[in-house]
């Protein structure tokens, strides 16, 4: 979990401190615990980022900022993949941060697979998110690419097997500017 949180913090830092969405419920729980140790958290953020990394609860994100949250989840995917030397646009495996909830069997966690072809064919009614879909429309800097494809593309046509079509899904809270 600590490695997953490190990967999230690195995604934030390497993105130029842009907003990144948290793709793991268990890592988010650890982040919440860290935040409760206010002095230590503030000192860490100051040293690591030059200032406080604010936490935005998932309830605040909502539909009005779904496009921002979708781009933030794509950004997190890009940098988490790059951290593990995974090619983000054609990943063969999930980066740790996107795999933890399933690996640890977190009941209310976000569960991802690299390729949802089989899940879509089977018509699974569970909430399984397609990590590979996050790569569509992501440029070499982890942001929307110049092809015009961005978060409004609905994650390459595959939000999740049980999505409400408000975006990629799978991300909870987030942090950054």
C-alpha atoms as a PDB file:
ATOM      1  CA  UNK A   1       0.000   0.000   0.000  1.00  0.00           C
ATOM      2  CA  UNK A   2       2.878   2.337   0.815  1.00  0.00           C
ATOM      3  CA  UNK A   3       4.395   1.639  -2.618  1.00  0.00           C
ATOM      4  CA  UNK A   4       1.026   2.444  -4.179  1.00  0.00           C
ATOM      5  CA  UNK A   5       0.861   5.735  -2.284  1.00  0.00           C
ATOM      6  CA  UNK A   6       4.412   6.514  -3.402  1.00  0.00           C
ATOM      7  CA  UNK A   7       3.342   5.857  -7.001  1.00  0.00           C
ATOM      8  CA  UNK A   8       0.389   8.236  -6.579  1.00  0.00           C
ATOM      9  CA  UNK A   9       2.601  10.965  -5.118  1.00  0.00           C
ATOM     10  CA  UNK A  10       5.119  10.497  -7.947  1.00  0.00           C
ATOM     11  CA  UNK A  11       2.316  10.757 -10.525  1.00  0.00           C
ATOM     12  CA  UNK A  12       1.328  14.069  -8.960  1.00  0.00           C
ATOM     13  CA  UNK A  13       4.903  15.320  -8.878  1.00  0.00           C
ATOM     14  CA  UNK A  14       5.854  14.172 -12.390  1.00  0.00           C
ATOM     15  CA  UNK A  15       2.677  15.637 -13.863  1.00  0.00           C
ATOM     16  CA  UNK A  16       3.871  19.083 -12.845  1.00  0.00           C
ATOM     17  CA  UNK A  17       1.590  18.949  -9.809  1.00  0.00           C
ATOM     18  CA  UNK A  18      -1.556  18.784 -11.888  1.00  0.00           C
ATOM     19  CA  UNK A  19      -4.681  17.197 -10.469  1.00  0.00           C
ATOM     20  CA  UNK A  20      -4.475  13.383 -10.322  1.00  0.00           C
ATOM     21  CA  UNK A  21      -7.279  11.004  -9.349  1.00  0.00           C
ATOM     22  CA  UNK A  22      -6.769   8.209  -6.856  1.00  0.00           C
ATOM     23  CA  UNK A  23      -7.433   4.822  -8.504  1.00  0.00           C
ATOM     24  CA  UNK A  24      -7.199   2.731  -5.320  1.00  0.00           C
ATOM     25  CA  UNK A  25      -9.543   2.697  -2.346  1.00  0.00           C
ATOM     26  CA  UNK A  26      -6.987   1.034  -0.071  1.00  0.00           C
ATOM     27  CA  UNK A  27      -4.269   3.560  -0.979  1.00  0.00           C
ATOM     28  CA  UNK A  28      -6.772   6.370  -0.467  1.00  0.00           C
ATOM     29  CA  UNK A  29      -7.452   5.008   3.021  1.00  0.00           C
ATOM     30  CA  UNK A  30      -3.708   5.107   3.719  1.00  0.00           C
ATOM     31  CA  UNK A  31      -3.521   8.667   2.376  1.00  0.00           C
ATOM     32  CA  UNK A  32      -6.365   9.653   4.725  1.00  0.00           C
ATOM     33  CA  UNK A  33      -4.463   8.147   7.643  1.00  0.00           C
ATOM     34  CA  UNK A  34      -1.317  10.052   6.641  1.00  0.00           C
ATOM     35  CA  UNK A  35      -3.257  13.316   6.429  1.00  0.00           C
ATOM     36  CA  UNK A  36      -4.461  12.848  10.020  1.00  0.00           C
ATOM     37  CA  UNK A  37      -0.836  13.152  11.144  1.00  0.00           C
ATOM     38  CA  UNK A  38      -0.939  16.801  10.171  1.00  0.00           C
ATOM     39  CA  UNK A  39       2.569  17.881  11.130  1.00  0.00           C
ATOM     40  CA  UNK A  40       4.234  14.916   9.429  1.00  0.00           C
ATOM     41  CA  UNK A  41       2.009  15.216   6.346  1.00  0.00           C
ATOM     42  CA  UNK A  42       2.664  18.949   6.032  1.00  0.00           C
ATOM     43  CA  UNK A  43       6.438  18.433   6.414  1.00  0.00           C
ATOM     44  CA  UNK A  44       6.409  15.642   3.819  1.00  0.00           C
ATOM     45  CA  UNK A  45       4.441  17.720   1.315  1.00  0.00           C
ATOM     46  CA  UNK A  46       6.660  20.751   1.812  1.00  0.00           C
ATOM     47  CA  UNK A  47       9.801  18.694   1.199  1.00  0.00           C
ATOM     48  CA  UNK A  48       8.363  16.596  -1.653  1.00  0.00           C
ATOM     49  CA  UNK A  49       6.214  19.156  -3.467  1.00  0.00           C
ATOM     50  CA  UNK A  50       7.145  22.556  -2.096  1.00  0.00           C
ATOM     51  CA  UNK A  51       3.702  22.918  -0.554  1.00  0.00           C
ATOM     52  CA  UNK A  52       0.641  21.041   0.655  1.00  0.00           C
ATOM     53  CA  UNK A  53      -1.012  18.455  -1.598  1.00  0.00           C
ATOM     54  CA  UNK A  54      -4.678  19.018  -0.837  1.00  0.00           C
ATOM     55  CA  UNK A  55      -7.112  16.123  -0.846  1.00  0.00           C
ATOM     56  CA  UNK A  56     -10.355  16.503  -2.795  1.00  0.00           C
ATOM     57  CA  UNK A  57     -13.048  14.043  -1.633  1.00  0.00           C
ATOM     58  CA  UNK A  58     -14.828  11.996  -4.316  1.00  0.00           C
ATOM     59  CA  UNK A  59     -18.175  13.516  -3.266  1.00  0.00           C
ATOM     60  CA  UNK A  60     -16.933  16.951  -4.369  1.00  0.00           C
ATOM     61  CA  UNK A  61     -15.846  15.732  -7.802  1.00  0.00           C
ATOM     62  CA  UNK A  62     -19.340  14.810  -9.040  1.00  0.00           C
ATOM     63  CA  UNK A  63     -20.691  15.159 -12.574  1.00  0.00           C
ATOM     64  CA  UNK A  64     -19.748  18.838 -13.028  1.00  0.00           C
ATOM     65  CA  UNK A  65     -16.080  17.946 -12.851  1.00  0.00           C
ATOM     66  CA  UNK A  66     -16.297  14.463 -14.376  1.00  0.00           C
ATOM     67  CA  UNK A  67     -14.220  15.569 -17.378  1.00  0.00           C
ATOM     68  CA  UNK A  68     -11.482  16.894 -15.068  1.00  0.00           C
ATOM     69  CA  UNK A  69     -11.580  13.704 -12.986  1.00  0.00           C
ATOM     70  CA  UNK A  70     -11.411  11.572 -16.143  1.00  0.00           C
ATOM     71  CA  UNK A  71      -8.327  13.474 -17.371  1.00  0.00           C
ATOM     72  CA  UNK A  72      -6.838  13.198 -13.872  1.00  0.00           C
ATOM     73  CA  UNK A  73      -7.319   9.417 -13.851  1.00  0.00           C
ATOM     74  CA  UNK A  74      -5.709   9.163 -17.297  1.00  0.00           C
ATOM     75  CA  UNK A  75      -2.817  11.295 -16.017  1.00  0.00           C
ATOM     76  CA  UNK A  76      -2.376   9.013 -13.011  1.00  0.00           C
ATOM     77  CA  UNK A  77      -2.479   5.949 -15.311  1.00  0.00           C
ATOM     78  CA  UNK A  78       0.194   7.450 -17.562  1.00  0.00           C
ATOM     79  CA  UNK A  79       2.658   8.246 -14.794  1.00  0.00           C
ATOM     80  CA  UNK A  80       2.002   5.052 -12.786  1.00  0.00           C
ATOM     81  CA  UNK A  81       2.706   3.033 -15.931  1.00  0.00           C
ATOM     82  CA  UNK A  82       5.836   5.030 -16.713  1.00  0.00           C
ATOM     83  CA  UNK A  83       7.085   4.500 -13.146  1.00  0.00           C
ATOM     84  CA  UNK A  84       7.017   0.735 -13.779  1.00  0.00           C
ATOM     85  CA  UNK A  85       8.345   0.897 -17.350  1.00  0.00           C
ATOM     86  CA  UNK A  86       4.956  -0.057 -18.769  1.00  0.00           C
ATOM     87  CA  UNK A  87       4.034   1.507 -22.107  1.00  0.00           C
ATOM     88  CA  UNK A  88       0.820   3.363 -21.132  1.00  0.00           C
ATOM     89  CA  UNK A  89      -0.844   3.172 -24.554  1.00  0.00           C
ATOM     90  CA  UNK A  90      -0.391  -0.585 -24.865  1.00  0.00           C
ATOM     91  CA  UNK A  91      -0.017  -1.913 -21.334  1.00  0.00           C
ATOM     92  CA  UNK A  92       0.421  -5.632 -20.895  1.00  0.00           C
ATOM     93  CA  UNK A  93      -0.127  -5.443 -17.133  1.00  0.00           C
ATOM     94  CA  UNK A  94      -1.522  -3.033 -14.576  1.00  0.00           C
ATOM     95  CA  UNK A  95       0.735  -0.748 -12.559  1.00  0.00           C
ATOM     96  CA  UNK A  96       0.653  -1.475  -8.829  1.00  0.00           C
ATOM     97  CA  UNK A  97      -1.531   1.511  -7.954  1.00  0.00           C
ATOM     98  CA  UNK A  98      -4.263   0.234 -10.301  1.00  0.00           C
ATOM     99  CA  UNK A  99      -3.883  -3.408  -9.230  1.00  0.00           C
ATOM    100  CA  UNK A 100      -3.848  -3.167  -5.429  1.00  0.00           C
ATOM    101  CA  UNK A 101      -7.574  -3.203  -4.652  1.00  0.00           C
ATOM    102  CA  UNK A 102      -8.133  -6.392  -6.665  1.00  0.00           C
ATOM    103  CA  UNK A 103      -4.930  -8.017  -5.370  1.00  0.00           C
ATOM    104  CA  UNK A 104      -6.018  -7.343  -1.800  1.00  0.00           C
ATOM    105  CA  UNK A 105      -9.672  -8.186  -2.553  1.00  0.00           C
ATOM    106  CA  UNK A 106     -10.928  -4.821  -1.256  1.00  0.00           C
ATOM    107  CA  UNK A 107     -14.730  -5.170  -1.249  1.00  0.00           C
ATOM    108  CA  UNK A 108     -15.521  -1.572  -2.218  1.00  0.00           C
ATOM    109  CA  UNK A 109     -12.289  -1.077  -4.115  1.00  0.00           C
ATOM    110  CA  UNK A 110     -11.694  -0.149  -7.705  1.00  0.00           C
ATOM    111  CA  UNK A 111     -10.946  -3.235  -9.761  1.00  0.00           C
ATOM    112  CA  UNK A 112      -9.158  -2.872 -13.096  1.00  0.00           C
ATOM    113  CA  UNK A 113      -8.091  -5.170 -15.887  1.00  0.00           C
ATOM    114  CA  UNK A 114      -5.760  -4.244 -18.726  1.00  0.00           C
ATOM    115  CA  UNK A 115      -8.095  -5.462 -21.475  1.00  0.00           C
ATOM    116  CA  UNK A 116     -11.840  -5.626 -20.911  1.00  0.00           C
ATOM    117  CA  UNK A 117     -12.680  -7.490 -24.115  1.00  0.00           C
ATOM    118  CA  UNK A 118     -13.555 -10.729 -22.305  1.00  0.00           C
ATOM    119  CA  UNK A 119     -15.377  -8.907 -19.501  1.00  0.00           C
ATOM    120  CA  UNK A 120     -17.502  -6.974 -22.000  1.00  0.00           C
ATOM    121  CA  UNK A 121     -18.257 -10.136 -23.979  1.00  0.00           C
ATOM    122  CA  UNK A 122     -19.352 -11.898 -20.798  1.00  0.00           C
ATOM    123  CA  UNK A 123     -21.536  -8.950 -19.809  1.00  0.00           C
ATOM    124  CA  UNK A 124     -20.205  -8.882 -16.267  1.00  0.00           C
ATOM    125  CA  UNK A 125     -22.374  -6.846 -13.927  1.00  0.00           C
ATOM    126  CA  UNK A 126     -19.522  -6.018 -11.542  1.00  0.00           C
ATOM    127  CA  UNK A 127     -17.617  -2.765 -11.546  1.00  0.00           C
ATOM    128  CA  UNK A 128     -14.490  -3.672 -13.445  1.00  0.00           C
ATOM    129  CA  UNK A 129     -12.645  -0.776 -15.032  1.00  0.00           C
ATOM    130  CA  UNK A 130     -10.529  -1.044 -18.130  1.00  0.00           C
ATOM    131  CA  UNK A 131      -7.072   0.322 -17.428  1.00  0.00           C
ATOM    132  CA  UNK A 132      -6.128   0.143 -21.080  1.00  0.00           C
ATOM    133  CA  UNK A 133      -8.980   2.516 -21.926  1.00  0.00           C
ATOM    134  CA  UNK A 134      -7.275   5.272 -19.944  1.00  0.00           C
ATOM    135  CA  UNK A 135      -4.471   5.404 -22.489  1.00  0.00           C
ATOM    136  CA  UNK A 136      -6.667   6.593 -25.360  1.00  0.00           C
ATOM    137  CA  UNK A 137      -6.295  10.305 -25.792  1.00  0.00           C
ATOM    138  CA  UNK A 138      -3.228  10.546 -23.543  1.00  0.00           C
ATOM    139  CA  UNK A 139      -0.192  12.287 -24.958  1.00  0.00           C
ATOM    140  CA  UNK A 140       3.450  11.813 -24.098  1.00  0.00           C
ATOM    141  CA  UNK A 141       3.111  14.261 -21.209  1.00  0.00           C
ATOM    142  CA  UNK A 142       0.254  12.350 -19.575  1.00  0.00           C
ATOM    143  CA  UNK A 143      -2.340  14.922 -20.645  1.00  0.00           C
ATOM    144  CA  UNK A 144      -4.856  14.917 -23.475  1.00  0.00           C
ATOM    145  CA  UNK A 145      -3.102  14.436 -26.786  1.00  0.00           C
ATOM    146  CA  UNK A 146      -3.335  16.699 -29.803  1.00  0.00           C
ATOM    147  CA  UNK A 147      -5.544  14.282 -31.739  1.00  0.00           C
ATOM    148  CA  UNK A 148      -8.543  15.895 -30.114  1.00  0.00           C
ATOM    149  CA  UNK A 149      -9.341  12.798 -28.105  1.00  0.00           C
ATOM    150  CA  UNK A 150      -9.803  13.621 -24.470  1.00  0.00           C
ATOM    151  CA  UNK A 151     -11.971  12.653 -21.560  1.00  0.00           C
ATOM    152  CA  UNK A 152     -15.110  13.314 -23.567  1.00  0.00           C
ATOM    153  CA  UNK A 153     -14.282  10.229 -25.623  1.00  0.00           C
ATOM    154  CA  UNK A 154     -15.717   8.062 -22.866  1.00  0.00           C
ATOM    155  CA  UNK A 155     -12.527   6.085 -22.404  1.00  0.00           C
ATOM    156  CA  UNK A 156     -12.408   4.602 -25.829  1.00  0.00           C
ATOM    157  CA  UNK A 157     -15.967   3.355 -25.675  1.00  0.00           C
ATOM    158  CA  UNK A 158     -15.549   1.209 -22.576  1.00  0.00           C
ATOM    159  CA  UNK A 159     -16.159   2.971 -19.323  1.00  0.00           C
ATOM    160  CA  UNK A 160     -16.687  -0.112 -17.210  1.00  0.00           C
ATOM    161  CA  UNK A 161     -18.885  -3.135 -17.310  1.00  0.00           C
ATOM    162  CA  UNK A 162     -21.382  -1.423 -15.010  1.00  0.00           C
ATOM    163  CA  UNK A 163     -20.653   2.227 -15.597  1.00  0.00           C
ATOM    164  CA  UNK A 164     -23.044   5.118 -15.400  1.00  0.00           C
ATOM    165  CA  UNK A 165     -21.316   6.603 -18.467  1.00  0.00           C
ATOM    166  CA  UNK A 166     -20.134   9.715 -16.644  1.00  0.00           C
ATOM    167  CA  UNK A 167     -16.517   8.980 -17.560  1.00  0.00           C
ATOM    168  CA  UNK A 168     -13.952   6.273 -17.110  1.00  0.00           C
ATOM    169  CA  UNK A 169     -14.982   5.556 -13.571  1.00  0.00           C
ATOM    170  CA  UNK A 170     -12.662   3.843 -11.203  1.00  0.00           C
ATOM    171  CA  UNK A 171     -11.236   6.943  -9.602  1.00  0.00           C
ATOM    172  CA  UNK A 172     -12.219   8.211  -6.231  1.00  0.00           C
ATOM    173  CA  UNK A 173     -10.814  11.318  -4.665  1.00  0.00           C
ATOM    174  CA  UNK A 174      -7.805  13.184  -5.902  1.00  0.00           C
ATOM    175  CA  UNK A 175      -5.339  15.921  -5.293  1.00  0.00           C
ATOM    176  CA  UNK A 176      -3.479  18.722  -6.969  1.00  0.00           C
ATOM    177  CA  UNK A 177      -4.253  21.819  -8.966  1.00  0.00           C
END
